Amino acid sequence: MASEYTLRRRVHFYETDVAGIVHFSVFFMHMEEAEHALWREAGLSIHAVNDDIGWPRVATAFEFYRPLRFEDEFDVHLRVVQMTAKTIRYECVLTKNGEEDRERLDDDRGVQKKPVMRGIEIPEQVRSRLSA
């Protein structure tokens, strides 16, 4: 069972804007990369082949503290903080040099059933491997 994951990253040049800092939109990608690693750690895939379940974002919010710049090394700490019947809530904190340095993200994923696109309960296989 996995409920948290830490991913070590380095800022790539293509992730920065003209001011040399990471563009705000890139932080969603960092969080999602850690989320997928968490699911793999739990023996799951967020997008398994031939799976009828999808995991759309329901809501996200960032708090930015300090910029990350090209070549900075940082950690993406992701943890499951709540799981309801139909949503998984994550908290994601980026740290540089062991200190909260850039962003905090609260994120909800809701479950959808294709092609109807309606909320369903989180399958027990996922619930048992990811916990808040």
N, C-alpha and C. Protein backbone atom coordinates (compact mmCIF):
# COMPACT_ATOMS: atom_id res chain seq x y z
N MET A 1 0.85 -1.18 0.00
CA MET A 1 0.00 0.00 0.00
C MET A 1 0.89 1.24 0.00
N ALA A 2 0.59 2.18 -0.86
CA ALA A 2 1.37 3.42 -0.96
C ALA A 2 0.45 4.60 -0.71
N SER A 3 0.92 5.54 0.08
CA SER A 3 0.13 6.74 0.30
C SER A 3 0.94 8.00 0.06
N GLU A 4 2.25 7.84 -0.18
CA GLU A 4 3.07 9.01 -0.49
C GLU A 4 4.27 8.60 -1.32
N TYR A 5 4.83 9.58 -2.01
CA TYR A 5 5.96 9.33 -2.89
C TYR A 5 6.76 10.61 -3.02
N THR A 6 8.09 10.48 -3.10
CA THR A 6 8.96 11.63 -3.32
C THR A 6 9.77 11.38 -4.58
N LEU A 7 9.73 12.36 -5.47
CA LEU A 7 10.41 12.29 -6.75
C LEU A 7 11.47 13.38 -6.80
N ARG A 8 12.72 13.04 -7.11
CA ARG A 8 13.80 14.02 -7.27
C ARG A 8 13.83 14.48 -8.72
N ARG A 9 13.89 15.80 -8.94
CA ARG A 9 13.89 16.38 -10.28
C ARG A 9 14.95 17.46 -10.39
N ARG A 10 15.27 17.80 -11.62
CA ARG A 10 16.13 18.94 -11.93
C ARG A 10 15.38 19.77 -12.96
N VAL A 11 15.43 21.09 -12.82
CA VAL A 11 14.74 21.98 -13.76
C VAL A 11 15.46 21.93 -15.11
N HIS A 12 14.70 21.63 -16.14
CA HIS A 12 15.21 21.63 -17.51
C HIS A 12 15.00 23.01 -18.12
N PHE A 13 15.86 23.36 -19.08
CA PHE A 13 15.78 24.67 -19.70
C PHE A 13 14.41 24.92 -20.35
N TYR A 14 13.85 23.90 -21.00
CA TYR A 14 12.57 24.07 -21.68
C TYR A 14 11.40 24.33 -20.71
N GLU A 15 11.61 24.11 -19.41
CA GLU A 15 10.56 24.36 -18.42
C GLU A 15 10.53 25.81 -17.95
N THR A 16 11.52 26.60 -18.37
CA THR A 16 11.63 27.97 -17.88
C THR A 16 11.04 28.96 -18.87
N ASP A 17 10.69 30.12 -18.34
CA ASP A 17 10.19 31.19 -19.20
C ASP A 17 11.32 32.15 -19.54
N VAL A 18 11.00 33.26 -20.17
CA VAL A 18 12.02 34.20 -20.61
C VAL A 18 12.77 34.83 -19.43
N ALA A 19 12.19 34.80 -18.24
CA ALA A 19 12.86 35.33 -17.05
C ALA A 19 13.79 34.29 -16.41
N GLY A 20 13.80 33.07 -16.95
CA GLY A 20 14.68 32.04 -16.43
C GLY A 20 14.12 31.26 -15.26
N ILE A 21 12.83 31.44 -14.96
CA ILE A 21 12.21 30.68 -13.87
C ILE A 21 11.19 29.69 -14.44
N VAL A 22 10.89 28.68 -13.66
CA VAL A 22 9.94 27.67 -14.11
C VAL A 22 8.57 28.33 -14.31
N HIS A 23 7.98 28.07 -15.47
CA HIS A 23 6.65 28.60 -15.77
C HIS A 23 5.62 27.89 -14.90
N PHE A 24 4.63 28.63 -14.42
CA PHE A 24 3.66 28.07 -13.46
C PHE A 24 2.98 26.81 -13.99
N SER A 25 2.74 26.73 -15.28
CA SER A 25 2.02 25.58 -15.83
C SER A 25 2.81 24.28 -15.70
N VAL A 26 4.13 24.37 -15.60
CA VAL A 26 4.99 23.19 -15.52
C VAL A 26 4.81 22.46 -14.20
N PHE A 27 4.41 23.17 -13.15
CA PHE A 27 4.27 22.54 -11.85
C PHE A 27 3.18 21.47 -11.84
N PHE A 28 2.15 21.64 -12.68
CA PHE A 28 1.15 20.59 -12.81
C PHE A 28 1.78 19.31 -13.36
N MET A 29 2.73 19.47 -14.28
CA MET A 29 3.40 18.30 -14.85
C MET A 29 4.28 17.61 -13.81
N HIS A 30 4.97 18.39 -12.98
CA HIS A 30 5.80 17.80 -11.92
C HIS A 30 4.92 16.98 -10.96
N MET A 31 3.79 17.56 -10.57
CA MET A 31 2.88 16.87 -9.66
C MET A 31 2.37 15.59 -10.30
N GLU A 32 1.98 15.68 -11.57
CA GLU A 32 1.43 14.51 -12.25
C GLU A 32 2.47 13.41 -12.42
N GLU A 33 3.71 13.80 -12.66
CA GLU A 33 4.80 12.82 -12.77
C GLU A 33 4.95 12.06 -11.44
N ALA A 34 4.89 12.77 -10.32
CA ALA A 34 4.97 12.12 -9.01
C ALA A 34 3.73 11.26 -8.75
N GLU A 35 2.58 11.74 -9.19
CA GLU A 35 1.35 10.96 -9.01
C GLU A 35 1.45 9.63 -9.74
N HIS A 36 1.92 9.64 -10.97
CA HIS A 36 2.05 8.40 -11.73
C HIS A 36 3.06 7.46 -11.08
N ALA A 37 4.13 8.02 -10.55
CA ALA A 37 5.13 7.20 -9.84
C ALA A 37 4.52 6.57 -8.59
N LEU A 38 3.69 7.33 -7.87
CA LEU A 38 3.00 6.80 -6.69
C LEU A 38 2.12 5.60 -7.08
N TRP A 39 1.35 5.75 -8.15
CA TRP A 39 0.50 4.66 -8.61
C TRP A 39 1.33 3.44 -9.00
N ARG A 40 2.45 3.66 -9.71
CA ARG A 40 3.32 2.54 -10.07
C ARG A 40 3.87 1.85 -8.83
N GLU A 41 4.27 2.66 -7.84
CA GLU A 41 4.78 2.12 -6.57
C GLU A 41 3.73 1.22 -5.91
N ALA A 42 2.46 1.56 -6.11
CA ALA A 42 1.36 0.78 -5.53
C ALA A 42 0.94 -0.39 -6.43
N GLY A 43 1.67 -0.59 -7.54
CA GLY A 43 1.34 -1.69 -8.45
C GLY A 43 0.16 -1.39 -9.35
N LEU A 44 -0.11 -0.10 -9.58
CA LEU A 44 -1.26 0.33 -10.39
C LEU A 44 -0.79 1.17 -11.57
N SER A 45 -1.69 1.41 -12.50
CA SER A 45 -1.46 2.37 -13.57
C SER A 45 -2.65 3.31 -13.61
N ILE A 46 -2.38 4.59 -13.74
CA ILE A 46 -3.47 5.56 -13.80
C ILE A 46 -4.17 5.53 -15.15
N HIS A 47 -3.55 4.87 -16.13
CA HIS A 47 -4.16 4.75 -17.46
C HIS A 47 -3.81 3.39 -18.05
N ALA A 48 -4.37 2.35 -17.45
CA ALA A 48 -4.10 1.00 -17.91
C ALA A 48 -4.75 0.76 -19.27
N VAL A 49 -4.09 -0.04 -20.11
CA VAL A 49 -4.63 -0.37 -21.43
C VAL A 49 -5.97 -1.07 -21.26
N ASN A 50 -6.93 -0.68 -22.06
CA ASN A 50 -8.28 -1.26 -22.06
C ASN A 50 -9.04 -1.06 -20.75
N ASP A 51 -8.64 -0.09 -19.96
CA ASP A 51 -9.35 0.20 -18.71
C ASP A 51 -10.53 1.12 -19.01
N ASP A 52 -11.67 0.86 -18.41
CA ASP A 52 -12.86 1.67 -18.64
C ASP A 52 -12.96 2.86 -17.69
N ILE A 53 -11.99 3.02 -16.81
CA ILE A 53 -12.05 4.09 -15.81
C ILE A 53 -11.03 5.15 -16.15
N GLY A 54 -11.43 6.42 -16.04
CA GLY A 54 -10.53 7.55 -16.22
C GLY A 54 -10.44 8.33 -14.91
N TRP A 55 -9.46 9.22 -14.82
CA TRP A 55 -9.21 9.96 -13.58
C TRP A 55 -9.05 11.45 -13.89
N PRO A 56 -10.14 12.15 -14.21
CA PRO A 56 -10.02 13.58 -14.55
C PRO A 56 -9.77 14.42 -13.31
N ARG A 57 -9.13 15.56 -13.51
CA ARG A 57 -8.95 16.53 -12.42
C ARG A 57 -10.30 17.19 -12.15
N VAL A 58 -10.60 17.33 -10.88
CA VAL A 58 -11.82 18.02 -10.47
C VAL A 58 -11.48 19.44 -10.02
N ALA A 59 -10.38 19.59 -9.29
CA ALA A 59 -9.97 20.92 -8.81
C ALA A 59 -8.50 20.89 -8.45
N THR A 60 -7.82 22.02 -8.63
CA THR A 60 -6.44 22.17 -8.20
C THR A 60 -6.21 23.59 -7.72
N ALA A 61 -5.25 23.76 -6.84
CA ALA A 61 -4.88 25.09 -6.35
C ALA A 61 -3.40 25.06 -5.95
N PHE A 62 -2.66 26.06 -6.37
CA PHE A 62 -1.24 26.19 -6.03
C PHE A 62 -1.02 27.39 -5.14
N GLU A 63 -0.05 27.28 -4.27
CA GLU A 63 0.49 28.44 -3.55
C GLU A 63 1.96 28.49 -3.92
N PHE A 64 2.42 29.60 -4.48
CA PHE A 64 3.81 29.75 -4.90
C PHE A 64 4.56 30.59 -3.89
N TYR A 65 5.76 30.15 -3.53
CA TYR A 65 6.56 30.86 -2.53
C TYR A 65 7.80 31.50 -3.13
N ARG A 66 8.65 30.70 -3.76
CA ARG A 66 9.88 31.21 -4.38
C ARG A 66 10.07 30.53 -5.72
N PRO A 67 10.76 31.17 -6.63
CA PRO A 67 10.93 30.57 -7.96
C PRO A 67 11.94 29.42 -7.96
N LEU A 68 11.73 28.52 -8.88
CA LEU A 68 12.73 27.53 -9.23
C LEU A 68 13.34 27.99 -10.55
N ARG A 69 14.64 27.76 -10.70
CA ARG A 69 15.36 28.23 -11.88
C ARG A 69 16.06 27.06 -12.57
N PHE A 70 16.47 27.29 -13.80
CA PHE A 70 17.19 26.31 -14.58
C PHE A 70 18.31 25.68 -13.76
N GLU A 71 18.41 24.36 -13.81
CA GLU A 71 19.41 23.53 -13.12
C GLU A 71 19.15 23.32 -11.63
N ASP A 72 18.15 23.99 -11.03
CA ASP A 72 17.83 23.73 -9.62
C ASP A 72 17.41 22.27 -9.46
N GLU A 73 17.89 21.62 -8.39
CA GLU A 73 17.40 20.30 -8.02
C GLU A 73 16.33 20.48 -6.95
N PHE A 74 15.28 19.70 -7.03
CA PHE A 74 14.19 19.82 -6.07
C PHE A 74 13.49 18.48 -5.94
N ASP A 75 12.72 18.34 -4.88
CA ASP A 75 11.94 17.13 -4.64
C ASP A 75 10.46 17.46 -4.74
N VAL A 76 9.72 16.54 -5.31
CA VAL A 76 8.27 16.63 -5.40
C VAL A 76 7.72 15.61 -4.41
N HIS A 77 7.12 16.09 -3.32
CA HIS A 77 6.54 15.21 -2.29
C HIS A 77 5.03 15.16 -2.53
N LEU A 78 4.51 13.98 -2.82
CA LEU A 78 3.09 13.81 -3.08
C LEU A 78 2.53 12.81 -2.08
N ARG A 79 1.37 13.13 -1.51
CA ARG A 79 0.74 12.16 -0.61
C ARG A 79 -0.77 12.23 -0.76
N VAL A 80 -1.40 11.09 -0.53
CA VAL A 80 -2.85 11.00 -0.52
C VAL A 80 -3.31 11.50 0.85
N VAL A 81 -4.15 12.52 0.87
CA VAL A 81 -4.61 13.06 2.15
C VAL A 81 -6.07 12.72 2.44
N GLN A 82 -6.82 12.35 1.40
CA GLN A 82 -8.22 11.98 1.62
C GLN A 82 -8.70 11.16 0.44
N MET A 83 -9.52 10.16 0.74
CA MET A 83 -10.16 9.40 -0.31
C MET A 83 -11.62 9.23 0.06
N THR A 84 -12.50 9.72 -0.80
CA THR A 84 -13.93 9.52 -0.60
C THR A 84 -14.36 8.40 -1.54
N ALA A 85 -15.64 8.16 -1.62
CA ALA A 85 -16.13 7.11 -2.50
C ALA A 85 -15.79 7.40 -3.96
N LYS A 86 -15.69 8.69 -4.34
CA LYS A 86 -15.49 9.03 -5.75
C LYS A 86 -14.31 9.94 -6.03
N THR A 87 -13.57 10.37 -5.04
CA THR A 87 -12.44 11.25 -5.30
C THR A 87 -11.22 10.86 -4.47
N ILE A 88 -10.07 11.23 -5.00
CA ILE A 88 -8.80 11.10 -4.28
C ILE A 88 -8.23 12.50 -4.17
N ARG A 89 -7.89 12.92 -2.97
CA ARG A 89 -7.29 14.23 -2.77
C ARG A 89 -5.82 14.05 -2.42
N TYR A 90 -4.98 14.78 -3.15
CA TYR A 90 -3.54 14.76 -2.93
C TYR A 90 -3.08 16.09 -2.34
N GLU A 91 -1.96 16.04 -1.66
CA GLU A 91 -1.21 17.24 -1.31
C GLU A 91 0.17 17.05 -1.94
N CYS A 92 0.66 18.10 -2.57
CA CYS A 92 1.95 18.04 -3.23
C CYS A 92 2.76 19.25 -2.77
N VAL A 93 3.97 19.00 -2.29
CA VAL A 93 4.85 20.09 -1.84
C VAL A 93 6.19 19.91 -2.53
N LEU A 94 6.67 20.97 -3.14
CA LEU A 94 8.00 20.96 -3.72
C LEU A 94 8.98 21.57 -2.74
N THR A 95 10.12 20.91 -2.60
CA THR A 95 11.15 21.43 -1.70
C THR A 95 12.47 21.50 -2.45
N LYS A 96 13.27 22.48 -2.07
CA LYS A 96 14.63 22.62 -2.59
C LYS A 96 15.54 22.73 -1.39
N ASN A 97 16.57 21.91 -1.36
CA ASN A 97 17.49 21.87 -0.21
C ASN A 97 16.77 21.54 1.08
N GLY A 98 15.74 20.70 1.01
CA GLY A 98 15.03 20.25 2.19
C GLY A 98 14.06 21.24 2.79
N GLU A 99 13.89 22.40 2.17
CA GLU A 99 12.97 23.41 2.69
C GLU A 99 11.86 23.66 1.70
N GLU A 100 10.65 23.86 2.20
CA GLU A 100 9.56 24.21 1.31
C GLU A 100 9.96 25.48 0.58
N ASP A 101 10.01 25.39 -0.72
CA ASP A 101 10.63 26.47 -1.46
C ASP A 101 9.76 27.06 -2.55
N ARG A 102 8.82 26.32 -3.05
CA ARG A 102 8.18 26.86 -4.24
C ARG A 102 6.66 26.77 -4.23
N GLU A 103 6.12 25.61 -4.04
CA GLU A 103 4.69 25.50 -4.26
C GLU A 103 4.06 24.48 -3.35
N ARG A 104 2.80 24.65 -3.16
CA ARG A 104 1.98 23.67 -2.47
C ARG A 104 0.74 23.51 -3.35
N LEU A 105 0.34 22.28 -3.54
CA LEU A 105 -0.79 21.99 -4.42
C LEU A 105 -1.78 21.11 -3.67
N ASP A 106 -3.02 21.49 -3.72
CA ASP A 106 -4.11 20.60 -3.31
C ASP A 106 -4.82 20.21 -4.58
N ASP A 107 -5.09 18.94 -4.75
CA ASP A 107 -5.59 18.44 -6.00
C ASP A 107 -6.60 17.34 -5.75
N ASP A 108 -7.69 17.37 -6.46
CA ASP A 108 -8.70 16.32 -6.39
C ASP A 108 -8.79 15.64 -7.74
N ARG A 109 -8.86 14.34 -7.71
CA ARG A 109 -9.14 13.57 -8.92
C ARG A 109 -10.47 12.89 -8.70
N GLY A 110 -11.34 12.98 -9.67
CA GLY A 110 -12.62 12.29 -9.61
C GLY A 110 -12.60 11.12 -10.56
N VAL A 111 -13.42 10.14 -10.30
CA VAL A 111 -13.46 8.95 -11.13
C VAL A 111 -14.52 9.14 -12.21
N GLN A 112 -14.22 8.69 -13.41
CA GLN A 112 -15.21 8.73 -14.48
C GLN A 112 -15.33 7.38 -15.13
N LYS A 113 -16.45 7.10 -15.66
CA LYS A 113 -16.69 5.86 -16.39
C LYS A 113 -16.88 6.23 -17.86
N LYS A 114 -16.13 5.60 -18.75
CA LYS A 114 -16.23 5.92 -20.17
C LYS A 114 -17.29 5.02 -20.78
N PRO A 115 -18.03 5.41 -21.79
CA PRO A 115 -18.08 6.74 -22.40
C PRO A 115 -19.10 7.66 -21.76
N VAL A 116 -19.78 7.19 -20.72
CA VAL A 116 -20.86 7.96 -20.12
C VAL A 116 -20.34 9.19 -19.37
N MET A 117 -19.11 9.16 -18.88
CA MET A 117 -18.50 10.27 -18.16
C MET A 117 -19.30 10.64 -16.91
N ARG A 118 -19.46 9.69 -16.02
CA ARG A 118 -20.15 9.93 -14.76
C ARG A 118 -19.28 9.42 -13.63
N GLY A 119 -19.47 10.00 -12.46
CA GLY A 119 -18.70 9.58 -11.30
C GLY A 119 -19.10 8.18 -10.87
N ILE A 120 -18.11 7.39 -10.49
CA ILE A 120 -18.36 6.06 -9.94
C ILE A 120 -17.52 5.93 -8.68
N GLU A 121 -17.79 4.91 -7.88
CA GLU A 121 -16.99 4.69 -6.68
C GLU A 121 -15.60 4.18 -7.07
N ILE A 122 -14.62 4.57 -6.29
CA ILE A 122 -13.25 4.14 -6.53
C ILE A 122 -13.18 2.63 -6.35
N PRO A 123 -12.63 1.90 -7.32
CA PRO A 123 -12.55 0.45 -7.21
C PRO A 123 -11.73 0.01 -6.00
N GLU A 124 -12.12 -1.10 -5.41
CA GLU A 124 -11.44 -1.61 -4.22
C GLU A 124 -9.96 -1.88 -4.49
N GLN A 125 -9.61 -2.31 -5.69
CA GLN A 125 -8.20 -2.55 -6.03
C GLN A 125 -7.37 -1.28 -5.85
N VAL A 126 -7.93 -0.14 -6.24
CA VAL A 126 -7.23 1.14 -6.08
C VAL A 126 -7.29 1.57 -4.61
N ARG A 127 -8.46 1.50 -4.01
CA ARG A 127 -8.65 1.92 -2.62
C ARG A 127 -7.70 1.18 -1.67
N SER A 128 -7.51 -0.13 -1.90
CA SER A 128 -6.68 -0.93 -0.99
C SER A 128 -5.19 -0.63 -1.16
N ARG A 129 -4.80 -0.11 -2.32
CA ARG A 129 -3.37 0.15 -2.56
C ARG A 129 -2.96 1.60 -2.33
N LEU A 130 -3.91 2.51 -2.36
CA LEU A 130 -3.63 3.92 -2.06
C LEU A 130 -4.46 4.30 -0.86
N SER A 131 -3.86 4.95 0.12
CA SER A 131 -4.64 5.34 1.28
C SER A 131 -4.25 6.71 1.75
N ALA A 132 -5.19 7.39 2.42
CA ALA A 132 -4.94 8.73 2.94
C ALA A 132 -4.22 8.61 4.27
